[in-house]
Amino acid sequence: MSPALRRLALCAMLALLAGCQTNSVRVDTPAQSGTGEHSTEGTLPRGKLSFEGGPEISIEIASTMENIRLGLSYRESLCESCGLYFVFPGEDIRTFWMRQMRFPIDIIWINHGKVIGVAADTRPEPGVPESQLATYKSPQPVRNVLEVPAGFAARHGIKAGTKVKVWAE
């Protein structure tokens, strides 16, 4: 193969690879941004969520990839009747971790208006390298996830099969 043809093939391959990249959103960490901390607190759409036979809570709704990736990271706390509700574009096995978290939470997996499972009392792991942080997976494909203060699910009897209603404010 001639050098000119090799260069042409290389350029075509690079163009093809560039077209295959996913549209990802970069979320800066404090060290990268130099601004201290990032948080979704107070910036997300709000709504309400109710559990059959249980409480109604105020929720913030994370539906963009940037907000989903950031989640509750860098926040100091979450009120007892508050939650962060994730809306994904489709159903899939969802994996969460406690990166940059400062307080324990319950992770509630939801699909088609019903609780699929609960990862109870997940705790921050300060000082643990990201590659070694515990991960929490949904028991089956879900489209929605709710993060609430640790112990919330147990206090209110929320378990697989509990019906859920969500509406925007």
C-alpha atoms as a PDB file:
ATOM      1  CA  MET A   1       0.000   0.000   0.000  1.00  0.00           C
ATOM      2  CA  SER A   2       1.408   3.399  -0.952  1.00  0.00           C
ATOM      3  CA  PRO A   3       2.071   6.035   1.764  1.00  0.00           C
ATOM      4  CA  ALA A   4      -0.657   8.294   0.349  1.00  0.00           C
ATOM      5  CA  LEU A   5      -3.201   5.456   0.440  1.00  0.00           C
ATOM      6  CA  ARG A   6      -2.170   4.587   4.022  1.00  0.00           C
ATOM      7  CA  ARG A   7      -2.711   8.203   5.111  1.00  0.00           C
ATOM      8  CA  LEU A   8      -6.107   8.240   3.407  1.00  0.00           C
ATOM      9  CA  ALA A   9      -7.098   4.973   5.117  1.00  0.00           C
ATOM     10  CA  LEU A  10      -5.895   6.310   8.481  1.00  0.00           C
ATOM     11  CA  CYS A  11      -7.894   9.541   8.047  1.00  0.00           C
ATOM     12  CA  ALA A  12     -11.003   7.566   7.104  1.00  0.00           C
ATOM     13  CA  MET A  13     -10.573   5.309  10.147  1.00  0.00           C
ATOM     14  CA  LEU A  14     -10.128   8.295  12.489  1.00  0.00           C
ATOM     15  CA  ALA A  15     -13.227   9.975  11.056  1.00  0.00           C
ATOM     16  CA  LEU A  16     -15.196   6.762  11.565  1.00  0.00           C
ATOM     17  CA  LEU A  17     -14.010   6.439  15.167  1.00  0.00           C
ATOM     18  CA  ALA A  18     -14.856  10.072  15.899  1.00  0.00           C
ATOM     19  CA  GLY A  19     -18.379   9.460  14.635  1.00  0.00           C
ATOM     20  CA  CYS A  20     -18.759   6.484  16.981  1.00  0.00           C
ATOM     21  CA  GLN A  21     -18.157   8.489  20.156  1.00  0.00           C
ATOM     22  CA  THR A  22     -21.077   8.758  22.538  1.00  0.00           C
ATOM     23  CA  ASN A  23     -22.446  12.111  23.584  1.00  0.00           C
ATOM     24  CA  SER A  24     -21.149  12.290  27.118  1.00  0.00           C
ATOM     25  CA  VAL A  25     -21.400  15.118  29.571  1.00  0.00           C
ATOM     26  CA  ARG A  26     -18.361  15.868  31.711  1.00  0.00           C
ATOM     27  CA  VAL A  27     -19.063  16.576  35.348  1.00  0.00           C
ATOM     28  CA  ASP A  28     -16.152  18.432  36.944  1.00  0.00           C
ATOM     29  CA  THR A  29     -14.927  17.354  40.315  1.00  0.00           C
ATOM     30  CA  PRO A  30     -13.874  20.076  42.761  1.00  0.00           C
ATOM     31  CA  ALA A  31     -10.213  19.487  41.954  1.00  0.00           C
ATOM     32  CA  GLN A  32     -10.891  19.965  38.244  1.00  0.00           C
ATOM     33  CA  SER A  33     -13.115  23.007  38.490  1.00  0.00           C
ATOM     34  CA  GLY A  34     -11.323  24.996  41.138  1.00  0.00           C
ATOM     35  CA  THR A  35     -14.678  26.297  42.394  1.00  0.00           C
ATOM     36  CA  GLY A  36     -14.951  24.050  45.432  1.00  0.00           C
ATOM     37  CA  GLU A  37     -18.007  21.894  44.926  1.00  0.00           C
ATOM     38  CA  HIS A  38     -20.777  21.108  42.478  1.00  0.00           C
ATOM     39  CA  SER A  39     -24.253  20.159  43.565  1.00  0.00           C
ATOM     40  CA  THR A  40     -27.651  19.817  41.950  1.00  0.00           C
ATOM     41  CA  GLU A  41     -29.264  21.237  45.104  1.00  0.00           C
ATOM     42  CA  GLY A  42     -31.898  23.849  44.277  1.00  0.00           C
ATOM     43  CA  THR A  43     -31.410  23.580  40.506  1.00  0.00           C
ATOM     44  CA  LEU A  44     -33.672  20.676  39.534  1.00  0.00           C
ATOM     45  CA  PRO A  45     -37.367  20.505  38.633  1.00  0.00           C
ATOM     46  CA  ARG A  46     -39.516  19.589  41.620  1.00  0.00           C
ATOM     47  CA  GLY A  47     -42.376  17.202  42.124  1.00  0.00           C
ATOM     48  CA  LYS A  48     -44.125  14.933  44.602  1.00  0.00           C
ATOM     49  CA  LEU A  49     -43.975  11.186  45.077  1.00  0.00           C
ATOM     50  CA  SER A  50     -46.340   9.058  47.127  1.00  0.00           C
ATOM     51  CA  PHE A  51     -46.100   5.458  48.252  1.00  0.00           C
ATOM     52  CA  GLU A  52     -49.222   3.320  48.545  1.00  0.00           C
ATOM     53  CA  GLY A  53     -50.071   3.210  52.249  1.00  0.00           C
ATOM     54  CA  GLY A  54     -47.111   5.428  53.045  1.00  0.00           C
ATOM     55  CA  PRO A  55     -45.870   8.989  52.963  1.00  0.00           C
ATOM     56  CA  GLU A  56     -45.873  11.648  50.288  1.00  0.00           C
ATOM     57  CA  ILE A  57     -42.488  13.281  49.801  1.00  0.00           C
ATOM     58  CA  SER A  58     -41.061  16.239  47.910  1.00  0.00           C
ATOM     59  CA  ILE A  59     -38.687  15.222  45.149  1.00  0.00           C
ATOM     60  CA  GLU A  60     -36.162  16.837  42.893  1.00  0.00           C
ATOM     61  CA  ILE A  61     -36.149  15.281  39.428  1.00  0.00           C
ATOM     62  CA  ALA A  62     -32.842  14.423  37.719  1.00  0.00           C
ATOM     63  CA  SER A  63     -33.404  13.625  34.055  1.00  0.00           C
ATOM     64  CA  THR A  64     -30.317  14.953  32.229  1.00  0.00           C
ATOM     65  CA  MET A  65     -27.155  12.856  32.091  1.00  0.00           C
ATOM     66  CA  GLU A  66     -25.219  15.564  33.955  1.00  0.00           C
ATOM     67  CA  ASN A  67     -27.737  15.683  36.811  1.00  0.00           C
ATOM     68  CA  ILE A  68     -28.049  11.892  36.902  1.00  0.00           C
ATOM     69  CA  ARG A  69     -24.260  11.497  37.175  1.00  0.00           C
ATOM     70  CA  LEU A  70     -23.988  14.118  39.902  1.00  0.00           C
ATOM     71  CA  GLY A  71     -26.988  12.923  41.924  1.00  0.00           C
ATOM     72  CA  LEU A  72     -26.674  13.802  45.618  1.00  0.00           C
ATOM     73  CA  SER A  73     -22.878  14.121  45.506  1.00  0.00           C
ATOM     74  CA  TYR A  74     -21.424  16.998  47.526  1.00  0.00           C
ATOM     75  CA  ARG A  75     -24.643  17.655  49.452  1.00  0.00           C
ATOM     76  CA  GLU A  76     -24.532  17.735  53.229  1.00  0.00           C
ATOM     77  CA  SER A  77     -27.919  16.121  53.884  1.00  0.00           C
ATOM     78  CA  LEU A  78     -31.422  15.391  52.644  1.00  0.00           C
ATOM     79  CA  CYS A  79     -34.549  16.149  54.673  1.00  0.00           C
ATOM     80  CA  GLU A  80     -36.605  13.179  55.931  1.00  0.00           C
ATOM     81  CA  SER A  81     -39.482  13.918  53.551  1.00  0.00           C
ATOM     82  CA  CYS A  82     -37.282  14.667  50.521  1.00  0.00           C
ATOM     83  CA  GLY A  83     -35.785  12.580  47.756  1.00  0.00           C
ATOM     84  CA  LEU A  84     -33.946  12.699  44.464  1.00  0.00           C
ATOM     85  CA  TYR A  85     -35.869  10.935  41.684  1.00  0.00           C
ATOM     86  CA  PHE A  86     -33.920   9.783  38.630  1.00  0.00           C
ATOM     87  CA  VAL A  87     -35.653   9.469  35.254  1.00  0.00           C
ATOM     88  CA  PHE A  88     -33.657   7.461  32.719  1.00  0.00           C
ATOM     89  CA  PRO A  89     -34.447   7.325  28.984  1.00  0.00           C
ATOM     90  CA  GLY A  90     -35.262   3.611  29.094  1.00  0.00           C
ATOM     91  CA  GLU A  91     -35.265   0.479  31.223  1.00  0.00           C
ATOM     92  CA  ASP A  92     -31.915  -1.052  32.114  1.00  0.00           C
ATOM     93  CA  ILE A  93     -30.021  -2.542  35.040  1.00  0.00           C
ATOM     94  CA  ARG A  94     -28.939   0.558  36.988  1.00  0.00           C
ATOM     95  CA  THR A  95     -25.724   0.677  38.994  1.00  0.00           C
ATOM     96  CA  PHE A  96     -25.159   3.345  41.653  1.00  0.00           C
ATOM     97  CA  TRP A  97     -22.244   4.115  43.940  1.00  0.00           C
ATOM     98  CA  MET A  98     -21.573   6.511  46.794  1.00  0.00           C
ATOM     99  CA  ARG A  99     -18.944   8.665  45.058  1.00  0.00           C
ATOM    100  CA  GLN A 100     -18.521  12.039  46.807  1.00  0.00           C
ATOM    101  CA  MET A 101     -21.461  11.287  49.126  1.00  0.00           C
ATOM    102  CA  ARG A 102     -21.498  12.734  52.639  1.00  0.00           C
ATOM    103  CA  PHE A 103     -24.425  10.879  54.215  1.00  0.00           C
ATOM    104  CA  PRO A 104     -26.054   7.412  53.988  1.00  0.00           C
ATOM    105  CA  ILE A 105     -29.111   6.816  51.803  1.00  0.00           C
ATOM    106  CA  ASP A 106     -31.613   4.194  50.729  1.00  0.00           C
ATOM    107  CA  ILE A 107     -31.687   3.557  46.986  1.00  0.00           C
ATOM    108  CA  ILE A 108     -35.150   2.536  45.801  1.00  0.00           C
ATOM    109  CA  TRP A 109     -35.425   0.905  42.359  1.00  0.00           C
ATOM    110  CA  ILE A 110     -38.730   1.731  40.616  1.00  0.00           C
ATOM    111  CA  ASN A 111     -40.314   0.595  37.346  1.00  0.00           C
ATOM    112  CA  HIS A 112     -43.828   1.016  35.961  1.00  0.00           C
ATOM    113  CA  GLY A 113     -45.062   2.689  39.163  1.00  0.00           C
ATOM    114  CA  LYS A 114     -43.881  -0.077  41.474  1.00  0.00           C
ATOM    115  CA  VAL A 115     -40.900  -0.593  43.775  1.00  0.00           C
ATOM    116  CA  ILE A 116     -38.668  -3.330  42.360  1.00  0.00           C
ATOM    117  CA  GLY A 117     -36.178  -3.401  45.232  1.00  0.00           C
ATOM    118  CA  VAL A 118     -34.337  -1.399  47.888  1.00  0.00           C
ATOM    119  CA  ALA A 119     -30.623  -1.027  48.594  1.00  0.00           C
ATOM    120  CA  ALA A 120     -30.975  -0.012  52.247  1.00  0.00           C
ATOM    121  CA  ASP A 121     -28.577   2.103  54.287  1.00  0.00           C
ATOM    122  CA  THR A 122     -25.884   2.547  51.638  1.00  0.00           C
ATOM    123  CA  ARG A 123     -23.005   4.424  53.246  1.00  0.00           C
ATOM    124  CA  PRO A 124     -20.288   6.793  52.022  1.00  0.00           C
ATOM    125  CA  GLU A 125     -16.799   5.333  51.919  1.00  0.00           C
ATOM    126  CA  PRO A 126     -14.420   8.243  52.552  1.00  0.00           C
ATOM    127  CA  GLY A 127     -10.836   7.572  51.576  1.00  0.00           C
ATOM    128  CA  VAL A 128     -11.701   4.548  49.422  1.00  0.00           C
ATOM    129  CA  PRO A 129     -10.366   4.824  45.842  1.00  0.00           C
ATOM    130  CA  GLU A 130     -13.158   5.162  43.260  1.00  0.00           C
ATOM    131  CA  SER A 131     -12.170   1.848  41.682  1.00  0.00           C
ATOM    132  CA  GLN A 132     -12.880   0.108  45.004  1.00  0.00           C
ATOM    133  CA  LEU A 133     -16.161   1.787  45.980  1.00  0.00           C
ATOM    134  CA  ALA A 134     -19.112  -0.531  46.575  1.00  0.00           C
ATOM    135  CA  THR A 135     -21.718  -0.574  43.812  1.00  0.00           C
ATOM    136  CA  TYR A 136     -25.449  -1.169  44.102  1.00  0.00           C
ATOM    137  CA  LYS A 137     -27.350  -2.725  41.182  1.00  0.00           C
ATOM    138  CA  SER A 138     -31.055  -2.820  40.508  1.00  0.00           C
ATOM    139  CA  PRO A 139     -32.426  -6.376  40.789  1.00  0.00           C
ATOM    140  CA  GLN A 140     -33.917  -6.054  37.291  1.00  0.00           C
ATOM    141  CA  PRO A 141     -34.142  -3.377  34.584  1.00  0.00           C
ATOM    142  CA  VAL A 142     -35.693  -0.131  35.839  1.00  0.00           C
ATOM    143  CA  ARG A 143     -36.374   3.307  34.426  1.00  0.00           C
ATOM    144  CA  ASN A 144     -36.506   5.180  37.746  1.00  0.00           C
ATOM    145  CA  VAL A 145     -34.496   5.339  40.943  1.00  0.00           C
ATOM    146  CA  LEU A 146     -35.249   7.233  44.150  1.00  0.00           C
ATOM    147  CA  GLU A 147     -32.633   8.244  46.710  1.00  0.00           C
ATOM    148  CA  VAL A 148     -33.924   9.047  50.210  1.00  0.00           C
ATOM    149  CA  PRO A 149     -32.320   9.318  53.668  1.00  0.00           C
ATOM    150  CA  ALA A 150     -31.029   6.019  55.081  1.00  0.00           C
ATOM    151  CA  GLY A 151     -33.671   4.054  56.966  1.00  0.00           C
ATOM    152  CA  PHE A 152     -36.576   5.722  55.138  1.00  0.00           C
ATOM    153  CA  ALA A 153     -37.717   2.513  53.410  1.00  0.00           C
ATOM    154  CA  ALA A 154     -37.673   0.490  56.648  1.00  0.00           C
ATOM    155  CA  ARG A 155     -39.453   3.212  58.658  1.00  0.00           C
ATOM    156  CA  HIS A 156     -42.276   3.374  56.114  1.00  0.00           C
ATOM    157  CA  GLY A 157     -42.524  -0.303  55.136  1.00  0.00           C
ATOM    158  CA  ILE A 158     -41.439   0.318  51.550  1.00  0.00           C
ATOM    159  CA  LYS A 159     -40.422  -2.877  49.793  1.00  0.00           C
ATOM    160  CA  ALA A 160     -40.650  -4.651  46.443  1.00  0.00           C
ATOM    161  CA  GLY A 161     -44.216  -4.428  45.176  1.00  0.00           C
ATOM    162  CA  THR A 162     -45.098  -1.110  46.872  1.00  0.00           C
ATOM    163  CA  LYS A 163     -46.945   1.118  44.396  1.00  0.00           C
ATOM    164  CA  VAL A 164     -45.585   4.582  43.639  1.00  0.00           C
ATOM    165  CA  LYS A 165     -47.158   7.709  42.122  1.00  0.00           C
ATOM    166  CA  VAL A 166     -45.125  10.663  40.857  1.00  0.00           C
ATOM    167  CA  TRP A 167     -46.252  14.076  39.654  1.00  0.00           C
ATOM    168  CA  ALA A 168     -44.580  17.386  38.830  1.00  0.00           C
ATOM    169  CA  GLU A 169     -45.240  20.516  40.867  1.00  0.00           C
END
